[in-house]
PDB file of N, CA and C in Angstrom:
ATOM      1  N   MET A   1     -94.038 128.077 136.235  1.00  0.00           N
ATOM      2  CA  MET A   1     -93.262 129.289 136.234  1.00  0.00           C
ATOM      3  C   MET A   1     -94.140 130.442 136.707  1.00  0.00           C
ATOM      4  N   LYS A   2     -93.714 131.133 137.721  1.00  0.00           N
ATOM      5  CA  LYS A   2     -94.445 132.275 138.237  1.00  0.00           C
ATOM      6  C   LYS A   2     -94.027 133.531 137.472  1.00  0.00           C
ATOM      7  N   THR A   3     -95.015 134.300 137.010  1.00  0.00           N
ATOM      8  CA  THR A   3     -94.747 135.508 136.242  1.00  0.00           C
ATOM      9  C   THR A   3     -94.871 136.733 137.130  1.00  0.00           C
ATOM     10  N   ASP A   4     -93.903 137.602 137.050  1.00  0.00           N
ATOM     11  CA  ASP A   4     -93.920 138.860 137.786  1.00  0.00           C
ATOM     12  C   ASP A   4     -95.075 139.718 137.271  1.00  0.00           C
ATOM     13  N   ARG A   5     -95.850 140.318 138.160  1.00  0.00           N
ATOM     14  CA  ARG A   5     -97.004 141.136 137.766  1.00  0.00           C
ATOM     15  C   ARG A   5     -96.603 142.341 136.924  1.00  0.00           C
ATOM     16  N   ARG A   6     -95.398 142.820 137.094  1.00  0.00           N
ATOM     17  CA  ARG A   6     -94.951 143.991 136.340  1.00  0.00           C
ATOM     18  C   ARG A   6     -94.849 143.720 134.850  1.00  0.00           C
ATOM     19  N   ILE A   7     -94.771 142.467 134.456  1.00  0.00           N
ATOM     20  CA  ILE A   7     -94.619 142.132 133.044  1.00  0.00           C
ATOM     21  C   ILE A   7     -95.830 142.595 132.226  1.00  0.00           C
ATOM     22  N   ASN A   8     -96.996 142.688 132.847  1.00  0.00           N
ATOM     23  CA  ASN A   8     -98.190 143.137 132.130  1.00  0.00           C
ATOM     24  C   ASN A   8     -98.091 144.593 131.690  1.00  0.00           C
ATOM     25  N   LYS A   9     -97.206 145.355 132.285  1.00  0.00           N
ATOM     26  CA  LYS A   9     -97.048 146.760 131.933  1.00  0.00           C
ATOM     27  C   LYS A   9     -95.822 146.994 131.054  1.00  0.00           C
ATOM     28  N   THR A  10     -95.152 145.959 130.699  1.00  0.00           N
ATOM     29  CA  THR A  10     -93.928 146.056 129.928  1.00  0.00           C
ATOM     30  C   THR A  10     -94.226 146.287 128.458  1.00  0.00           C
ATOM     31  N   ALA A  11     -93.454 147.140 127.826  1.00  0.00           N
ATOM     32  CA  ALA A  11     -93.552 147.356 126.379  1.00  0.00           C
ATOM     33  C   ALA A  11     -92.324 146.744 125.721  1.00  0.00           C
ATOM     34  N   VAL A  12     -92.534 146.082 124.618  1.00  0.00           N
ATOM     35  CA  VAL A  12     -91.448 145.480 123.863  1.00  0.00           C
ATOM     36  C   VAL A  12     -91.441 146.108 122.484  1.00  0.00           C
ATOM     37  N   VAL A  13     -90.289 146.534 122.023  1.00  0.00           N
ATOM     38  CA  VAL A  13     -90.160 147.081 120.681  1.00  0.00           C
ATOM     39  C   VAL A  13     -89.509 146.021 119.806  1.00  0.00           C
ATOM     40  N   LEU A  14     -90.168 145.695 118.719  1.00  0.00           N
ATOM     41  CA  LEU A  14     -89.709 144.665 117.797  1.00  0.00           C
ATOM     42  C   LEU A  14     -89.514 145.315 116.434  1.00  0.00           C
ATOM     43  N   ILE A  15     -88.320 145.232 115.885  1.00  0.00           N
ATOM     44  CA  ILE A  15     -88.046 145.838 114.587  1.00  0.00           C
ATOM     45  C   ILE A  15     -87.989 144.734 113.536  1.00  0.00           C
ATOM     46  N   THR A  16     -88.814 144.892 112.511  1.00  0.00           N
ATOM     47  CA  THR A  16     -88.848 143.898 111.447  1.00  0.00           C
ATOM     48  C   THR A  16     -88.349 144.514 110.142  1.00  0.00           C
ATOM     49  N   TYR A  17     -87.788 143.690 109.293  1.00  0.00           N
ATOM     50  CA  TYR A  17     -87.320 144.131 107.981  1.00  0.00           C
ATOM     51  C   TYR A  17     -87.208 142.913 107.087  1.00  0.00           C
ATOM     52  N   GLY A  18     -87.218 143.135 105.814  1.00  0.00           N
ATOM     53  CA  GLY A  18     -87.048 142.049 104.855  1.00  0.00           C
ATOM     54  C   GLY A  18     -88.070 140.940 105.045  1.00  0.00           C
ATOM     55  N   SER A  19     -87.616 139.727 104.929  1.00  0.00           N
ATOM     56  CA  SER A  19     -88.468 138.552 105.072  1.00  0.00           C
ATOM     57  C   SER A  19     -88.179 137.897 106.420  1.00  0.00           C
ATOM     58  N   ARG A  20     -88.698 138.483 107.497  1.00  0.00           N
ATOM     59  CA  ARG A  20     -88.373 138.035 108.849  1.00  0.00           C
ATOM     60  C   ARG A  20     -89.554 137.388 109.559  1.00  0.00           C
ATOM     61  N   TYR A  21     -90.587 137.002 108.828  1.00  0.00           N
ATOM     62  CA  TYR A  21     -91.786 136.440 109.445  1.00  0.00           C
ATOM     63  C   TYR A  21     -91.450 135.272 110.374  1.00  0.00           C
ATOM     64  N   PHE A  22     -90.598 134.382 109.948  1.00  0.00           N
ATOM     65  CA  PHE A  22     -90.249 133.205 110.738  1.00  0.00           C
ATOM     66  C   PHE A  22     -89.780 133.602 112.132  1.00  0.00           C
ATOM     67  N   TYR A  23     -88.972 134.649 112.214  1.00  0.00           N
ATOM     68  CA  TYR A  23     -88.412 135.069 113.496  1.00  0.00           C
ATOM     69  C   TYR A  23     -89.404 135.849 114.353  1.00  0.00           C
ATOM     70  N   PHE A  24     -90.044 136.871 113.760  1.00  0.00           N
ATOM     71  CA  PHE A  24     -90.906 137.693 114.602  1.00  0.00           C
ATOM     72  C   PHE A  24     -92.185 136.980 115.002  1.00  0.00           C
ATOM     73  N   SER A  25     -92.660 136.025 114.211  1.00  0.00           N
ATOM     74  CA  SER A  25     -93.874 135.300 114.602  1.00  0.00           C
ATOM     75  C   SER A  25     -93.626 134.482 115.870  1.00  0.00           C
ATOM     76  N   LYS A  26     -92.473 133.826 115.952  1.00  0.00           N
ATOM     77  CA  LYS A  26     -92.133 133.060 117.157  1.00  0.00           C
ATOM     78  C   LYS A  26     -91.981 133.984 118.367  1.00  0.00           C
ATOM     79  N   LEU A  27     -91.350 135.128 118.149  1.00  0.00           N
ATOM     80  CA  LEU A  27     -91.147 136.074 119.233  1.00  0.00           C
ATOM     81  C   LEU A  27     -92.481 136.642 119.725  1.00  0.00           C
ATOM     82  N   ILE A  28     -93.352 137.037 118.804  1.00  0.00           N
ATOM     83  CA  ILE A  28     -94.654 137.581 119.201  1.00  0.00           C
ATOM     84  C   ILE A  28     -95.473 136.544 119.960  1.00  0.00           C
ATOM     85  N   GLU A  29     -95.509 135.324 119.466  1.00  0.00           N
ATOM     86  CA  GLU A  29     -96.249 134.258 120.158  1.00  0.00           C
ATOM     87  C   GLU A  29     -95.728 134.071 121.581  1.00  0.00           C
ATOM     88  N   ARG A  30     -94.419 134.062 121.732  1.00  0.00           N
ATOM     89  CA  ARG A  30     -93.817 133.874 123.053  1.00  0.00           C
ATOM     90  C   ARG A  30     -94.143 135.045 123.982  1.00  0.00           C
ATOM     91  N   LEU A  31     -94.022 136.257 123.483  1.00  0.00           N
ATOM     92  CA  LEU A  31     -94.318 137.427 124.293  1.00  0.00           C
ATOM     93  C   LEU A  31     -95.776 137.443 124.734  1.00  0.00           C
ATOM     94  N   LEU A  32     -96.692 137.116 123.827  1.00  0.00           N
ATOM     95  CA  LEU A  32     -98.110 137.084 124.183  1.00  0.00           C
ATOM     96  C   LEU A  32     -98.382 136.013 125.233  1.00  0.00           C
ATOM     97  N   SER A  33     -97.733 134.869 125.104  1.00  0.00           N
ATOM     98  CA  SER A  33     -97.944 133.792 126.079  1.00  0.00           C
ATOM     99  C   SER A  33     -97.383 134.154 127.454  1.00  0.00           C
ATOM    100  N   MET A  34     -96.413 135.064 127.490  1.00  0.00           N
ATOM    101  CA  MET A  34     -95.822 135.510 128.760  1.00  0.00           C
ATOM    102  C   MET A  34     -96.673 136.579 129.436  1.00  0.00           C
ATOM    103  N   GLY A  35     -97.615 137.148 128.710  1.00  0.00           N
ATOM    104  CA  GLY A  35     -98.455 138.187 129.289  1.00  0.00           C
ATOM    105  C   GLY A  35     -97.888 139.585 129.156  1.00  0.00           C
ATOM    106  N   ILE A  36     -96.998 139.786 128.185  1.00  0.00           N
ATOM    107  CA  ILE A  36     -96.440 141.121 127.949  1.00  0.00           C
ATOM    108  C   ILE A  36     -97.579 142.090 127.672  1.00  0.00           C
ATOM    109  N   GLY A  37     -97.509 143.276 128.273  1.00  0.00           N
ATOM    110  CA  GLY A  37     -98.584 144.250 128.156  1.00  0.00           C
ATOM    111  C   GLY A  37     -98.717 144.861 126.774  1.00  0.00           C
ATOM    112  N   PHE A  38     -97.623 145.313 126.191  1.00  0.00           N
ATOM    113  CA  PHE A  38     -97.664 145.990 124.899  1.00  0.00           C
ATOM    114  C   PHE A  38     -96.488 145.568 124.041  1.00  0.00           C
ATOM    115  N   ILE A  39     -96.752 145.396 122.765  1.00  0.00           N
ATOM    116  CA  ILE A  39     -95.701 145.109 121.799  1.00  0.00           C
ATOM    117  C   ILE A  39     -95.782 146.184 120.730  1.00  0.00           C
ATOM    118  N   ILE A  40     -94.691 146.878 120.523  1.00  0.00           N
ATOM    119  CA  ILE A  40     -94.615 147.872 119.469  1.00  0.00           C
ATOM    120  C   ILE A  40     -93.737 147.281 118.375  1.00  0.00           C
ATOM    121  N   ALA A  41     -94.317 147.059 117.209  1.00  0.00           N
ATOM    122  CA  ALA A  41     -93.575 146.493 116.087  1.00  0.00           C
ATOM    123  C   ALA A  41     -93.246 147.608 115.115  1.00  0.00           C
ATOM    124  N   VAL A  42     -91.978 147.817 114.878  1.00  0.00           N
ATOM    125  CA  VAL A  42     -91.535 148.820 113.919  1.00  0.00           C
ATOM    126  C   VAL A  42     -91.242 148.094 112.608  1.00  0.00           C
ATOM    127  N   ASP A  43     -92.053 148.383 111.611  1.00  0.00           N
ATOM    128  CA  ASP A  43     -91.868 147.765 110.301  1.00  0.00           C
ATOM    129  C   ASP A  43     -90.902 148.627 109.505  1.00  0.00           C
ATOM    130  N   ASN A  44     -89.684 148.155 109.386  1.00  0.00           N
ATOM    131  CA  ASN A  44     -88.629 148.889 108.696  1.00  0.00           C
ATOM    132  C   ASN A  44     -88.445 148.303 107.304  1.00  0.00           C
ATOM    133  N   ASN A  45     -89.496 148.430 106.486  1.00  0.00           N
ATOM    134  CA  ASN A  45     -89.489 147.980 105.092  1.00  0.00           C
ATOM    135  C   ASN A  45     -89.440 146.455 104.956  1.00  0.00           C
ATOM    136  N   SER A  46     -90.300 145.756 105.683  1.00  0.00           N
ATOM    137  CA  SER A  46     -90.370 144.302 105.523  1.00  0.00           C
ATOM    138  C   SER A  46     -91.085 143.972 104.214  1.00  0.00           C
ATOM    139  N   ASN A  47     -90.956 142.717 103.779  1.00  0.00           N
ATOM    140  CA  ASN A  47     -91.602 142.338 102.527  1.00  0.00           C
ATOM    141  C   ASN A  47     -93.113 142.191 102.734  1.00  0.00           C
ATOM    142  N   LEU A  48     -93.857 142.022 101.649  1.00  0.00           N
ATOM    143  CA  LEU A  48     -95.318 142.019 101.697  1.00  0.00           C
ATOM    144  C   LEU A  48     -95.865 140.892 102.574  1.00  0.00           C
ATOM    145  N   ASP A  49     -95.305 139.696 102.488  1.00  0.00           N
ATOM    146  CA  ASP A  49     -95.780 138.582 103.318  1.00  0.00           C
ATOM    147  C   ASP A  49     -95.593 138.875 104.806  1.00  0.00           C
ATOM    148  N   SER A  50     -94.454 139.457 105.157  1.00  0.00           N
ATOM    149  CA  SER A  50     -94.208 139.801 106.559  1.00  0.00           C
ATOM    150  C   SER A  50     -95.150 140.905 107.016  1.00  0.00           C
ATOM    151  N   LYS A  51     -95.413 141.891 106.150  1.00  0.00           N
ATOM    152  CA  LYS A  51     -96.349 142.970 106.492  1.00  0.00           C
ATOM    153  C   LYS A  51     -97.741 142.400 106.779  1.00  0.00           C
ATOM    154  N   LYS A  52     -98.183 141.483 105.919  1.00  0.00           N
ATOM    155  CA  LYS A  52     -99.507 140.871 106.099  1.00  0.00           C
ATOM    156  C   LYS A  52     -99.569 140.075 107.403  1.00  0.00           C
ATOM    157  N   ALA A  53     -98.528 139.330 107.696  1.00  0.00           N
ATOM    158  CA  ALA A  53     -98.502 138.537 108.926  1.00  0.00           C
ATOM    159  C   ALA A  53     -98.496 139.441 110.154  1.00  0.00           C
ATOM    160  N   LEU A  54     -97.734 140.509 110.109  1.00  0.00           N
ATOM    161  CA  LEU A  54     -97.676 141.446 111.219  1.00  0.00           C
ATOM    162  C   LEU A  54     -99.043 142.101 111.430  1.00  0.00           C
ATOM    163  N   LEU A  55     -99.710 142.456 110.349  1.00  0.00           N
ATOM    164  CA  LEU A  55    -101.047 143.040 110.437  1.00  0.00           C
ATOM    165  C   LEU A  55    -102.034 142.039 111.036  1.00  0.00           C
ATOM    166  N   LYS A  56    -101.902 140.782 110.660  1.00  0.00           N
ATOM    167  CA  LYS A  56    -102.773 139.733 111.216  1.00  0.00           C
ATOM    168  C   LYS A  56    -102.613 139.648 112.738  1.00  0.00           C
ATOM    169  N   TYR A  57    -101.384 139.664 113.212  1.00  0.00           N
ATOM    170  CA  TYR A  57    -101.153 139.641 114.659  1.00  0.00           C
ATOM    171  C   TYR A  57    -101.753 140.880 115.315  1.00  0.00           C
ATOM    172  N   SER A  58    -101.587 142.015 114.669  1.00  0.00           N
ATOM    173  CA  SER A  58    -102.097 143.267 115.217  1.00  0.00           C
ATOM    174  C   SER A  58    -103.619 143.257 115.307  1.00  0.00           C
ATOM    175  N   LEU A  59    -104.283 142.802 114.278  1.00  0.00           N
ATOM    176  CA  LEU A  59    -105.745 142.764 114.278  1.00  0.00           C
ATOM    177  C   LEU A  59    -106.290 141.783 115.309  1.00  0.00           C
ATOM    178  N   GLY A  60    -105.564 140.711 115.550  1.00  0.00           N
ATOM    179  CA  GLY A  60    -105.980 139.719 116.533  1.00  0.00           C
ATOM    180  C   GLY A  60    -105.702 140.130 117.973  1.00  0.00           C
ATOM    181  N   ASN A  61    -104.894 141.156 118.145  1.00  0.00           N
ATOM    182  CA  ASN A  61    -104.491 141.610 119.483  1.00  0.00           C
ATOM    183  C   ASN A  61    -104.454 143.134 119.515  1.00  0.00           C
ATOM    184  N   LYS A  62    -105.573 143.748 119.156  1.00  0.00           N
ATOM    185  CA  LYS A  62    -105.624 145.207 118.975  1.00  0.00           C
ATOM    186  C   LYS A  62    -105.165 146.004 120.184  1.00  0.00           C
ATOM    187  N   SER A  63    -105.414 145.518 121.366  1.00  0.00           N
ATOM    188  CA  SER A  63    -105.038 146.296 122.551  1.00  0.00           C
ATOM    189  C   SER A  63    -103.594 146.064 122.982  1.00  0.00           C
ATOM    190  N   LYS A  64    -102.898 145.142 122.318  1.00  0.00           N
ATOM    191  CA  LYS A  64    -101.540 144.801 122.744  1.00  0.00           C
ATOM    192  C   LYS A  64    -100.459 145.069 121.708  1.00  0.00           C
ATOM    193  N   ILE A  65    -100.804 145.024 120.433  1.00  0.00           N
ATOM    194  CA  ILE A  65     -99.785 145.150 119.392  1.00  0.00           C
ATOM    195  C   ILE A  65    -100.041 146.396 118.556  1.00  0.00           C
ATOM    196  N   TYR A  66     -99.021 147.234 118.471  1.00  0.00           N
ATOM    197  CA  TYR A  66     -99.089 148.453 117.677  1.00  0.00           C
ATOM    198  C   TYR A  66     -98.003 148.392 116.608  1.00  0.00           C
ATOM    199  N   ILE A  67     -98.344 148.796 115.392  1.00  0.00           N
ATOM    200  CA  ILE A  67     -97.380 148.769 114.294  1.00  0.00           C
ATOM    201  C   ILE A  67     -97.025 150.198 113.908  1.00  0.00           C
ATOM    202  N   ILE A  68     -95.741 150.442 113.771  1.00  0.00           N
ATOM    203  CA  ILE A  68     -95.250 151.721 113.265  1.00  0.00           C
ATOM    204  C   ILE A  68     -94.541 151.431 111.947  1.00  0.00           C
ATOM    205  N   GLU A  69     -94.977 152.090 110.899  1.00  0.00           N
ATOM    206  CA  GLU A  69     -94.333 151.942 109.591  1.00  0.00           C
ATOM    207  C   GLU A  69     -93.168 152.924 109.524  1.00  0.00           C
ATOM    208  N   ALA A  70     -91.962 152.452 109.701  1.00  0.00           N
ATOM    209  CA  ALA A  70     -90.779 153.325 109.717  1.00  0.00           C
ATOM    210  C   ALA A  70     -90.561 153.988 108.368  1.00  0.00           C
ATOM    211  N   SER A  71     -90.923 153.330 107.284  1.00  0.00           N
ATOM    212  CA  SER A  71     -90.706 153.894 105.957  1.00  0.00           C
ATOM    213  C   SER A  71     -91.594 155.114 105.717  1.00  0.00           C
ATOM    214  N   GLU A  72     -92.662 155.265 106.504  1.00  0.00           N
ATOM    215  CA  GLU A  72     -93.562 156.403 106.335  1.00  0.00           C
ATOM    216  C   GLU A  72     -93.143 157.585 107.199  1.00  0.00           C
ATOM    217  N   GLN A  73     -92.232 157.383 108.137  1.00  0.00           N
ATOM    218  CA  GLN A  73     -91.802 158.462 109.017  1.00  0.00           C
ATOM    219  C   GLN A  73     -90.915 159.425 108.258  1.00  0.00           C
ATOM    220  N   LYS A  74     -91.126 160.723 108.479  1.00  0.00           N
ATOM    221  CA  LYS A  74     -90.310 161.741 107.786  1.00  0.00           C
ATOM    222  C   LYS A  74     -89.638 162.625 108.790  1.00  0.00           C
TER     223      LYS A  74
END
Protein backbone atom coordinates (compact mmCIF):
# COMPACT_ATOMS: atom_id res chain seq x y z
CA MET A 1 0.00 0.00 0.00
CA LYS A 2 1.45 3.34 -1.04
CA THR A 3 0.97 6.14 1.50
CA ASP A 4 0.34 9.70 0.40
CA ARG A 5 3.13 12.00 1.68
CA ARG A 6 0.56 14.49 2.96
CA ILE A 7 -0.50 12.03 5.65
CA ASN A 8 2.61 12.93 7.68
CA LYS A 9 1.19 16.42 8.19
CA THR A 10 -2.29 15.27 9.10
CA ALA A 11 -3.70 15.87 12.58
CA VAL A 12 -6.25 13.50 14.04
CA VAL A 13 -8.46 14.44 16.97
CA LEU A 14 -9.49 11.51 19.14
CA ILE A 15 -12.03 12.01 21.92
CA THR A 16 -11.96 9.53 24.77
CA TYR A 17 -14.37 9.07 27.66
CA GLY A 18 -15.31 6.42 30.17
CA SER A 19 -13.63 3.06 29.74
CA ARG A 20 -12.67 3.27 26.06
CA TYR A 21 -9.12 1.90 26.16
CA PHE A 22 -10.01 -1.07 23.94
CA TYR A 23 -11.17 1.24 21.16
CA PHE A 24 -8.67 4.09 21.26
CA SER A 25 -5.65 1.81 21.66
CA LYS A 26 -6.47 0.05 18.37
CA LEU A 27 -7.08 3.38 16.67
CA ILE A 28 -3.83 4.94 17.94
CA GLU A 29 -1.80 1.89 16.89
CA ARG A 30 -3.33 2.01 13.41
CA LEU A 31 -2.78 5.74 13.01
CA LEU A 32 0.85 5.47 14.10
CA SER A 33 1.45 2.60 11.68
CA MET A 34 0.00 4.74 8.87
CA GLY A 35 2.47 7.53 9.57
CA ILE A 36 -0.04 10.11 10.79
CA GLY A 37 1.84 13.27 11.74
CA PHE A 38 -0.04 14.34 14.87
CA ILE A 39 -2.69 12.84 17.10
CA ILE A 40 -4.56 15.09 19.49
CA ALA A 41 -6.37 13.07 22.15
CA VAL A 42 -9.08 14.89 24.05
CA ASP A 43 -9.65 13.18 27.37
CA ASN A 44 -13.27 13.90 28.19
CA ASN A 45 -13.34 12.35 31.67
CA SER A 46 -12.11 8.84 30.86
CA ASN A 47 -11.58 6.37 33.68
CA LEU A 48 -8.21 5.98 35.44
CA ASP A 49 -7.08 2.93 33.43
CA SER A 50 -7.81 4.70 30.15
CA LYS A 51 -6.01 7.85 31.36
CA LYS A 52 -2.92 5.79 32.24
CA ALA A 53 -2.96 4.01 28.88
CA LEU A 54 -3.35 7.28 26.99
CA LEU A 55 -0.44 8.78 28.95
CA LYS A 56 1.67 5.72 28.11
CA TYR A 57 1.04 6.24 24.39
CA SER A 58 1.83 9.93 24.76
CA LEU A 59 5.12 9.34 26.57
CA GLY A 60 6.17 6.79 23.97
CA ASN A 61 5.39 9.17 21.10
CA LYS A 62 6.08 12.63 22.53
CA SER A 63 6.39 14.36 19.18
CA LYS A 64 3.19 12.85 17.77
CA ILE A 65 0.58 12.52 20.51
CA TYR A 66 -0.79 15.42 22.52
CA ILE A 67 -3.36 15.05 25.30
CA ILE A 68 -5.90 17.70 26.20
CA GLU A 69 -7.78 17.20 29.46
CA ALA A 70 -11.26 18.50 28.60
CA SER A 71 -12.38 18.34 32.23
CA GLU A 72 -9.72 20.94 33.11
CA GLN A 73 -10.85 23.43 30.45
CA LYS A 74 -12.85 26.38 31.78
